[in-house]
Protein backbone atom coordinates (compact mmCIF):
# COMPACT_ATOMS: atom_id res chain seq x y z
CA MET A 1 -5.66 16.18 16.49
CA ASN A 2 -4.90 14.31 19.73
CA ASP A 3 -1.55 14.95 21.41
CA PRO A 4 0.80 12.32 19.91
CA GLY A 5 3.13 12.75 22.89
CA GLU A 6 0.46 11.64 25.35
CA LEU A 7 0.99 8.17 26.80
CA THR A 8 -1.88 6.08 25.44
CA SER A 9 -2.92 2.56 26.32
CA PHE A 10 -5.07 0.53 23.95
CA HIS A 11 -6.50 -1.86 26.47
CA GLY A 12 -8.97 -4.74 26.58
CA GLY A 13 -8.57 -6.38 23.17
CA LEU A 14 -6.51 -9.09 21.53
CA ILE A 15 -3.21 -8.11 19.91
CA ILE A 16 -1.36 -9.81 17.04
CA ALA A 17 2.15 -9.11 18.29
CA GLY A 18 5.67 -9.36 16.88
CA ASP A 19 7.04 -10.63 13.60
CA GLU A 20 5.74 -14.13 14.37
CA MET A 21 2.17 -12.84 14.65
CA GLN A 22 1.50 -14.23 18.12
CA VAL A 23 -1.97 -13.59 19.53
CA VAL A 24 -1.67 -11.88 22.93
CA GLU A 25 -4.60 -11.70 25.33
CA GLY A 26 -4.91 -9.59 28.47
CA ALA A 27 -2.22 -7.08 27.50
CA ALA A 28 -2.29 -3.43 26.44
CA LEU A 29 -0.58 -1.75 23.50
CA ILE A 30 1.28 1.20 25.04
CA VAL A 31 1.95 4.08 22.64
CA LYS A 32 3.80 7.39 22.83
CA HIS A 33 4.84 9.76 20.06
CA GLY A 34 3.23 7.40 17.57
CA ARG A 35 5.45 4.46 18.50
CA ILE A 36 4.93 1.31 20.52
CA LEU A 37 6.67 1.50 23.90
CA ARG A 38 5.69 -2.01 24.92
CA ILE A 39 2.96 -4.61 24.96
CA GLY A 40 2.12 -5.44 28.54
CA GLU A 41 0.39 -4.17 31.64
CA ASN A 42 -1.86 -1.13 31.48
CA PRO A 43 0.00 1.85 33.08
CA THR A 44 -2.00 3.94 35.52
CA SER A 45 -0.68 7.21 34.04
CA ALA A 46 -1.87 6.57 30.48
CA ARG A 47 -4.92 7.74 28.62
CA VAL A 48 -6.88 4.53 28.08
CA VAL A 49 -8.60 3.67 24.83
CA ASP A 50 -10.98 0.77 25.43
CA VAL A 51 -10.65 -1.78 22.62
CA SER A 52 -12.61 -4.56 24.29
CA GLY A 53 -14.03 -6.96 21.75
CA LYS A 54 -11.47 -5.83 19.15
CA LEU A 55 -8.48 -7.47 17.53
CA LEU A 56 -5.47 -5.22 16.91
CA CYS A 57 -3.64 -6.33 13.76
CA PRO A 58 -0.64 -4.64 12.12
CA MET A 59 -1.61 -2.57 9.10
CA PHE A 60 -0.93 -4.28 5.80
CA VAL A 61 1.94 -3.74 3.39
CA ASN A 62 1.00 -4.09 -0.28
CA ALA A 63 4.30 -5.10 -1.85
CA HIS A 64 3.42 -4.60 -5.52
CA THR A 65 1.01 -2.19 -7.18
CA HIS A 66 0.49 -0.12 -10.31
CA ILE A 67 -1.52 2.70 -8.75
CA GLY A 68 -1.30 4.79 -11.91
CA ASP A 69 -4.09 2.57 -13.25
CA THR A 70 -6.60 3.64 -10.58
CA GLY A 71 -8.82 5.42 -13.10
CA ALA A 72 -8.95 2.36 -15.37
CA LYS A 73 -10.80 -0.04 -13.09
CA GLU A 74 -12.16 -3.01 -15.10
CA LEU A 75 -10.80 -1.59 -18.35
CA GLY A 76 -9.93 -4.40 -20.73
CA ILE A 77 -10.99 -7.35 -18.57
CA GLY A 78 -10.89 -10.48 -20.73
CA LYS A 79 -8.16 -9.26 -23.07
CA PRO A 80 -4.72 -10.93 -23.22
CA MET A 81 -2.11 -9.39 -20.95
CA VAL A 82 0.14 -8.40 -23.85
CA GLU A 83 -2.68 -6.21 -25.19
CA LEU A 84 -3.26 -4.66 -21.79
CA VAL A 85 0.07 -3.68 -20.31
CA CYS A 86 2.89 -3.93 -22.85
CA PRO A 87 4.34 -0.58 -24.00
CA PRO A 88 4.11 1.50 -26.00
CA ASP A 89 0.59 0.73 -27.27
CA GLY A 90 -0.90 -1.42 -24.53
CA LEU A 91 -4.36 -0.42 -23.40
CA LYS A 92 -3.10 0.95 -20.08
CA HIS A 93 -0.44 3.06 -21.78
CA ARG A 94 -2.97 4.56 -24.15
CA PHE A 95 -5.21 5.27 -21.18
CA LEU A 96 -2.40 6.97 -19.24
CA ALA A 97 -1.45 9.06 -22.27
CA SER A 98 -5.03 10.33 -22.51
CA LEU A 99 -5.04 11.89 -19.02
CA ASP A 100 -4.10 15.41 -18.06
CA ALA A 101 -1.68 15.65 -15.14
CA ASP A 102 -4.12 16.94 -12.52
CA THR A 103 -6.73 14.32 -13.31
CA HIS A 104 -4.16 11.54 -13.10
CA VAL A 105 -2.87 12.81 -9.75
CA ALA A 106 -6.43 12.93 -8.40
CA MET A 107 -7.02 9.34 -9.55
CA MET A 108 -3.86 8.09 -7.84
CA ARG A 109 -4.74 9.94 -4.65
CA HIS A 110 -8.11 8.20 -4.70
CA GLY A 111 -6.28 4.87 -4.92
CA MET A 112 -4.10 5.74 -1.94
CA LEU A 113 -7.13 6.72 0.12
CA GLU A 114 -8.76 3.44 -0.85
CA MET A 115 -5.71 1.57 0.43
CA LEU A 116 -5.65 3.45 3.73
CA ASN A 117 -9.32 2.72 4.36
CA ASN A 118 -8.60 -0.95 3.57
CA GLY A 119 -5.94 -1.00 6.29
CA ILE A 120 -2.85 -0.63 4.08
CA ILE A 121 -0.07 1.56 5.48
CA ALA A 122 2.54 1.14 2.72
CA PHE A 123 2.81 0.01 -0.87
CA GLY A 124 5.48 -0.60 -3.46
CA ASP A 125 4.64 0.83 -6.86
CA PHE A 126 6.15 0.17 -10.29
CA ARG A 127 5.57 3.68 -11.63
CA GLU A 128 5.50 4.20 -15.37
CA GLN A 129 6.02 7.51 -17.22
CA GLY A 130 9.60 8.13 -16.14
CA LEU A 131 10.60 10.97 -13.84
CA GLU A 132 7.31 12.75 -14.48
CA GLY A 133 5.41 9.68 -13.29
CA VAL A 134 7.45 9.45 -10.09
CA LEU A 135 6.85 13.11 -9.27
CA ALA A 136 3.13 12.77 -10.02
CA LEU A 137 2.77 9.93 -7.53
CA ARG A 138 4.71 11.89 -4.92
CA ARG A 139 2.28 14.78 -5.44
CA ALA A 140 -0.72 12.46 -5.18
CA GLY A 141 0.37 11.34 -1.73
CA GLU A 142 1.05 14.75 -0.22
CA GLY A 143 -0.45 14.99 3.26
CA LEU A 144 -1.54 11.35 3.40
CA PRO A 145 -0.13 9.05 6.12
CA ILE A 146 0.69 6.23 3.72
CA ARG A 147 4.19 5.18 2.66
CA ALA A 148 4.60 5.09 -1.10
CA VAL A 149 7.75 3.22 -2.13
CA ILE A 150 8.08 4.40 -5.72
CA LEU A 151 10.11 2.37 -8.19
CA GLY A 152 10.41 4.38 -11.39
CA ARG A 153 10.88 3.15 -14.92
CA MET A 154 12.87 4.47 -17.86
CA GLU A 155 11.47 4.82 -21.37
CA GLU A 156 12.05 1.45 -23.02
CA MET A 157 12.00 2.84 -26.54
CA ALA A 158 14.76 5.36 -25.81
CA THR A 159 18.36 4.92 -26.88
CA PRO A 160 20.56 3.14 -24.28
CA GLU A 161 22.32 6.41 -23.51
CA ALA A 162 19.07 8.34 -23.03
CA ALA A 163 17.60 5.54 -20.89
CA GLU A 164 20.64 5.52 -18.62
CA THR A 165 20.56 9.29 -18.21
CA GLU A 166 16.88 9.06 -17.35
CA GLY A 167 17.66 6.27 -14.87
CA TYR A 168 20.01 8.52 -12.90
CA GLU A 169 17.39 11.28 -12.90
CA ILE A 170 14.73 8.89 -11.62
CA LEU A 171 16.98 7.46 -8.91
CA SER A 172 17.74 10.96 -7.62
CA VAL A 173 14.13 11.26 -6.44
CA ALA A 174 12.55 7.76 -6.50
CA ASP A 175 13.06 4.87 -4.10
CA GLY A 176 14.43 2.66 -6.84
CA ILE A 177 13.80 1.10 -10.24
CA GLY A 178 10.95 -1.27 -11.13
CA VAL A 179 11.72 -3.18 -14.33
CA ARG A 180 8.87 -4.43 -16.53
CA ASP A 181 10.74 -7.30 -18.18
CA VAL A 182 14.24 -8.77 -18.39
CA THR A 183 14.41 -7.59 -22.00
CA SER A 184 13.59 -3.97 -21.11
CA TYR A 185 17.15 -2.79 -20.40
CA ASP A 186 20.74 -3.87 -20.74
CA LEU A 187 22.25 -5.65 -17.73
CA ASN A 188 25.36 -3.45 -17.84
CA MET A 189 23.24 -0.31 -17.55
CA ILE A 190 21.41 -1.72 -14.52
CA THR A 191 24.75 -2.63 -12.97
CA ARG A 192 25.98 0.95 -13.38
CA LEU A 193 22.78 2.39 -11.95
CA ARG A 194 23.05 0.08 -8.95
CA ALA A 195 26.64 1.11 -8.38
CA GLY A 196 25.62 4.77 -8.45
CA TYR A 197 22.72 4.24 -6.03
CA PRO A 198 23.57 1.20 -3.88
CA ASP A 199 20.93 1.99 -1.25
CA LYS A 200 18.03 2.14 -3.69
CA LEU A 201 15.67 -0.76 -4.42
CA PHE A 202 15.91 -2.67 -7.68
CA ALA A 203 13.07 -5.01 -8.58
CA ALA A 204 11.59 -6.62 -11.66
CA HIS A 205 8.70 -8.63 -13.03
CA ALA A 206 9.84 -12.20 -13.68
CA SER A 207 8.41 -15.27 -15.41
CA GLU A 208 4.85 -13.95 -15.22
CA ASN A 209 3.71 -15.22 -18.59
CA ARG A 210 4.27 -18.77 -19.88
CA ALA A 211 4.94 -17.70 -23.47
CA ALA A 212 7.51 -15.09 -22.37
CA GLU A 213 9.26 -17.64 -20.16
CA GLN A 214 9.43 -20.15 -23.00
CA GLU A 215 10.75 -17.50 -25.39
CA SER A 216 13.48 -16.60 -22.90
CA VAL A 217 14.60 -20.22 -22.64
CA LYS A 218 14.53 -20.61 -26.41
CA LEU A 219 16.65 -17.51 -27.06
CA THR A 220 19.10 -17.64 -24.15
CA GLY A 221 18.91 -21.09 -22.59
CA GLN A 222 17.65 -19.52 -19.36
CA GLY A 223 14.29 -18.50 -18.00
CA GLN A 224 13.55 -14.93 -17.05
CA THR A 225 14.02 -15.47 -13.32
CA ALA A 226 17.48 -17.01 -13.77
CA ARG A 227 18.56 -14.13 -15.98
CA LEU A 228 17.25 -11.51 -13.57
CA LEU A 229 19.11 -13.04 -10.64
CA ASP A 230 22.31 -11.85 -12.34
CA TRP A 231 21.02 -8.29 -11.82
CA GLY A 232 21.18 -8.71 -8.04
CA PRO A 233 17.55 -7.68 -7.48
CA ASP A 234 16.13 -6.88 -4.05
CA PHE A 235 12.90 -8.61 -4.97
CA LEU A 236 11.20 -10.21 -7.95
CA VAL A 237 7.49 -10.10 -8.76
CA HIS A 238 5.20 -12.92 -10.00
CA LEU A 239 7.45 -15.97 -10.78
CA VAL A 240 4.36 -17.88 -11.91
CA HIS A 241 6.31 -20.00 -14.42
CA THR A 242 9.70 -20.11 -12.71
CA PRO A 243 11.07 -23.69 -12.68
CA VAL A 244 11.98 -25.33 -9.39
CA GLU A 245 15.74 -25.05 -9.89
CA ASP A 246 15.46 -21.31 -10.42
CA LEU A 247 13.17 -20.95 -7.39
CA LYS A 248 15.87 -22.66 -5.34
CA ARG A 249 18.36 -20.06 -6.55
CA VAL A 250 15.98 -17.26 -5.55
CA ALA A 251 15.78 -18.74 -2.05
CA GLU A 252 19.55 -19.32 -1.83
CA GLN A 253 20.32 -15.74 -2.86
CA GLY A 254 17.91 -14.37 -0.27
CA VAL A 255 15.83 -12.55 -2.88
CA ILE A 256 12.27 -11.91 -1.74
CA ALA A 257 9.52 -12.97 -4.14
CA VAL A 258 6.28 -11.02 -4.41
CA SER A 259 3.19 -12.91 -5.54
CA CYS A 260 0.00 -11.33 -6.92
CA PRO A 261 -2.37 -14.33 -7.20
CA ARG A 262 -5.61 -12.50 -8.01
CA SER A 263 -3.92 -10.54 -10.79
CA ASN A 264 -2.27 -13.61 -12.28
CA GLY A 265 -5.63 -15.35 -12.22
CA ILE A 266 -7.72 -12.63 -13.85
CA VAL A 267 -5.30 -12.10 -16.76
CA GLY A 268 -4.98 -15.84 -17.36
CA ASP A 269 -1.29 -16.14 -16.50
CA GLY A 270 -1.79 -19.14 -14.26
CA LEU A 271 -1.79 -19.96 -10.56
CA VAL A 272 1.45 -19.88 -8.60
CA ASN A 273 2.16 -22.70 -6.15
CA LEU A 274 3.15 -20.86 -2.99
CA GLY A 275 3.06 -24.15 -1.13
CA LEU A 276 6.12 -25.16 -3.13
CA TRP A 277 7.73 -21.79 -2.44
CA LYS A 278 7.25 -22.38 1.29
CA LYS A 279 8.82 -25.86 1.09
CA LEU A 280 11.83 -24.39 -0.71
CA GLY A 281 12.32 -21.79 2.00
CA LEU A 282 11.54 -18.90 -0.32
CA SER A 283 10.49 -15.72 1.50
CA PHE A 284 7.43 -14.21 -0.17
CA ALA A 285 5.14 -11.24 0.15
CA LEU A 286 1.77 -10.43 -1.40
CA GLY A 287 0.75 -7.57 -3.68
CA THR A 288 -2.50 -6.60 -5.37
CA ASP A 289 -0.82 -5.48 -8.64
CA ASN A 290 -2.70 -3.42 -11.25
CA MET A 291 -5.60 -1.30 -10.07
CA MET A 292 -7.16 -2.07 -13.47
CA PHE A 293 -7.84 -5.65 -12.41
CA ASN A 294 -7.94 -5.78 -8.62
CA THR A 295 -9.09 -3.92 -5.56
CA PRO A 296 -6.16 -2.84 -3.36
CA ASN A 297 -7.47 -5.12 -0.64
CA MET A 298 -5.05 -7.38 1.21
CA LEU A 299 -7.89 -9.19 2.98
CA ARG A 300 -9.21 -10.46 -0.34
CA GLU A 301 -5.66 -11.25 -1.48
CA MET A 302 -4.95 -13.36 1.59
CA ASP A 303 -8.22 -15.27 1.35
CA TYR A 304 -7.75 -16.03 -2.36
CA THR A 305 -4.14 -17.08 -1.75
CA SER A 306 -4.95 -19.52 1.04
CA ARG A 307 -7.71 -21.28 -0.86
CA MET A 308 -5.69 -21.34 -4.11
CA VAL A 309 -2.62 -22.93 -2.52
CA ARG A 310 -4.54 -25.61 -0.63
CA GLY A 311 -6.56 -26.45 -3.74
CA LEU A 312 -3.55 -26.61 -6.07
CA ASN A 313 -1.80 -29.02 -3.72
CA ASP A 314 -4.83 -31.11 -2.75
CA ASP A 315 -3.52 -30.54 0.76
CA THR A 316 -4.96 -28.41 3.54
CA THR A 317 -1.50 -28.25 5.19
CA ALA A 318 0.24 -26.82 2.10
CA ILE A 319 0.25 -23.39 3.73
CA ASP A 320 -0.71 -21.97 7.10
CA THR A 321 -2.54 -18.81 8.06
CA LYS A 322 0.35 -17.17 9.90
CA THR A 323 2.56 -17.50 6.82
CA ILE A 324 -0.13 -15.80 4.77
CA LEU A 325 -0.62 -12.99 7.31
CA LYS A 326 3.15 -12.44 7.40
CA SER A 327 3.20 -12.21 3.60
CA ALA A 328 0.72 -9.34 3.80
CA THR A 329 2.55 -7.53 6.59
CA ILE A 330 6.11 -8.08 7.79
CA VAL A 331 7.54 -9.79 4.68
CA GLY A 332 6.17 -7.03 2.46
CA ALA A 333 7.73 -4.48 4.81
CA HIS A 334 11.03 -6.36 4.55
CA ALA A 335 10.85 -6.37 0.74
CA LEU A 336 10.34 -2.60 0.72
CA LYS A 337 12.98 -2.00 3.44
CA LEU A 338 10.36 -0.71 5.85
CA ASP A 339 10.53 -3.53 8.39
CA GLU A 340 12.24 -1.46 11.07
CA GLU A 341 9.19 0.81 11.12
CA LEU A 342 6.21 -1.20 9.88
CA GLY A 343 4.86 -4.69 9.27
CA SER A 344 4.36 -5.87 12.86
CA LEU A 345 3.37 -4.58 16.27
CA ALA A 346 6.53 -4.53 18.37
CA PRO A 347 8.36 -2.08 20.65
CA GLY A 348 10.02 0.73 18.73
CA LYS A 349 7.84 0.39 15.65
CA GLU A 350 5.05 2.66 14.49
CA ALA A 351 1.74 2.10 16.23
CA SER A 352 -0.11 1.61 12.95
CA PHE A 353 -2.79 -1.03 13.25
CA VAL A 354 -6.26 -2.13 12.22
CA ALA A 355 -8.87 -2.76 14.89
CA PHE A 356 -11.21 -5.54 13.78
CA ASP A 357 -14.57 -5.83 15.52
CA LEU A 358 -14.79 -9.41 16.79
CA GLN A 359 -18.41 -8.83 17.77
CA CYS A 360 -19.61 -8.06 14.26
CA PRO A 361 -21.75 -10.79 12.67
CA ASN A 362 -19.00 -11.99 10.35
CA LEU A 363 -16.44 -12.59 13.11
CA THR A 364 -18.70 -13.56 16.00
CA TYR A 365 -18.08 -17.16 17.15
CA GLN A 366 -14.73 -17.42 15.35
CA GLN A 367 -12.43 -19.99 16.93
CA ASP A 368 -9.09 -18.80 15.48
CA VAL A 369 -8.57 -15.05 15.06
CA VAL A 370 -5.65 -15.29 12.62
CA SER A 371 -7.57 -17.69 10.39
CA ALA A 372 -10.62 -15.42 10.67
CA ILE A 373 -8.61 -12.41 9.47
CA VAL A 374 -7.13 -14.37 6.57
CA HIS A 375 -10.29 -16.17 5.44
CA ARG A 376 -13.30 -14.30 6.72
CA ALA A 377 -12.68 -10.65 7.57
CA THR A 378 -13.81 -7.90 5.22
CA VAL A 379 -13.28 -4.16 5.18
CA ALA A 380 -16.77 -3.86 6.73
CA ASP A 381 -15.43 -5.65 9.83
CA ILE A 382 -12.84 -2.91 10.48
CA ASP A 383 -13.88 -0.87 13.51
CA GLY A 384 -11.00 1.59 13.13
CA VAL A 385 -7.67 2.23 11.47
CA TYR A 386 -4.96 3.82 13.60
CA VAL A 387 -1.87 5.40 12.07
CA ARG A 388 0.96 6.17 14.46
CA GLY A 389 -1.48 5.77 17.34
CA LEU A 390 -4.11 8.16 15.99
CA PRO A 391 -7.43 7.40 14.28
CA LEU A 392 -7.09 7.61 10.52
CA GLU A 393 -9.90 10.14 10.21
CA LEU A 394 -7.88 12.71 12.18
CA TYR A 395 -5.38 12.89 9.33
CA TYR A 396 -8.14 14.08 7.00
CA GLN A 397 -9.16 17.08 9.10
């Protein structure tokens, strides 16, 4: 492997720089010890990597996944969501129960490799199967340069006492808790777990399904999102059927929302209006959700999102390409508390980036590189993936 302490200059290409995703021309990305020293003039003392004709883009952050489903690609497509993912007898849960531990670990590792090759440096995972599931995902990622933010889940059919005990066990090794549904656990238990582990992430699915949202209102007078805001979550996932007043509360409380448009579409949950979210000042990230339904590909997620939002609003200005790119990079990093390290190319952060070949047929003659990455780029247009300043393939040797 190359010397990570060597001063290296990636020179000659375009750079998408900073949290605001500004396109910089005529500058070099200067790297040492895997971190960005600066973006500026090419130093004479550095080893130069010629990236002429390339666009350097921060690696993507996939804010919501279920990587345990990697071995179940296309399983159950066309079936209602409740039949697919609801415990204890949902199709995915029966599939997971059928696997031996080593096979399941190998499947999840495959999913992580797929993400790395697609330019994803970090992902947030709602990991089923309790403590055992958390440890299995940790094992799957051993030796890989990808950040797995693992949010474990307690057994929903357990007694409240057993679930709480399991919650403390999970939080001792996981990065937090990922709740399936507002009805899964008692609010008081979540409050106690949060008090015991104040630095861990707490997140939940919210208002994903219209019928579930209507049932929540009928039984409690509140929708799922409103009820979950009382839990003090770090972020909420989906919010497809969250009413405007509750979306305003999400924005006011500074809770990040994570949208998974392709997943919501394929399971028939509906299309979320991210144009409205933007107007309300709601900070949102993108995730690819279940590996059963979707490729872990943020390029496809961004493209689908942009076209969906503009079409839903009958308005080409309903969303802009920089907002979408941010949702796949820096906002996702913020949701997962990784933004000091990842999500943008800036001094002090990891030099983890994707080099897109602007001379490949798909990107030749583009007139707006950010729009081209959001709407046109594919994995085939990636010339190289660099993790902490080193080519991804070196980590496999």
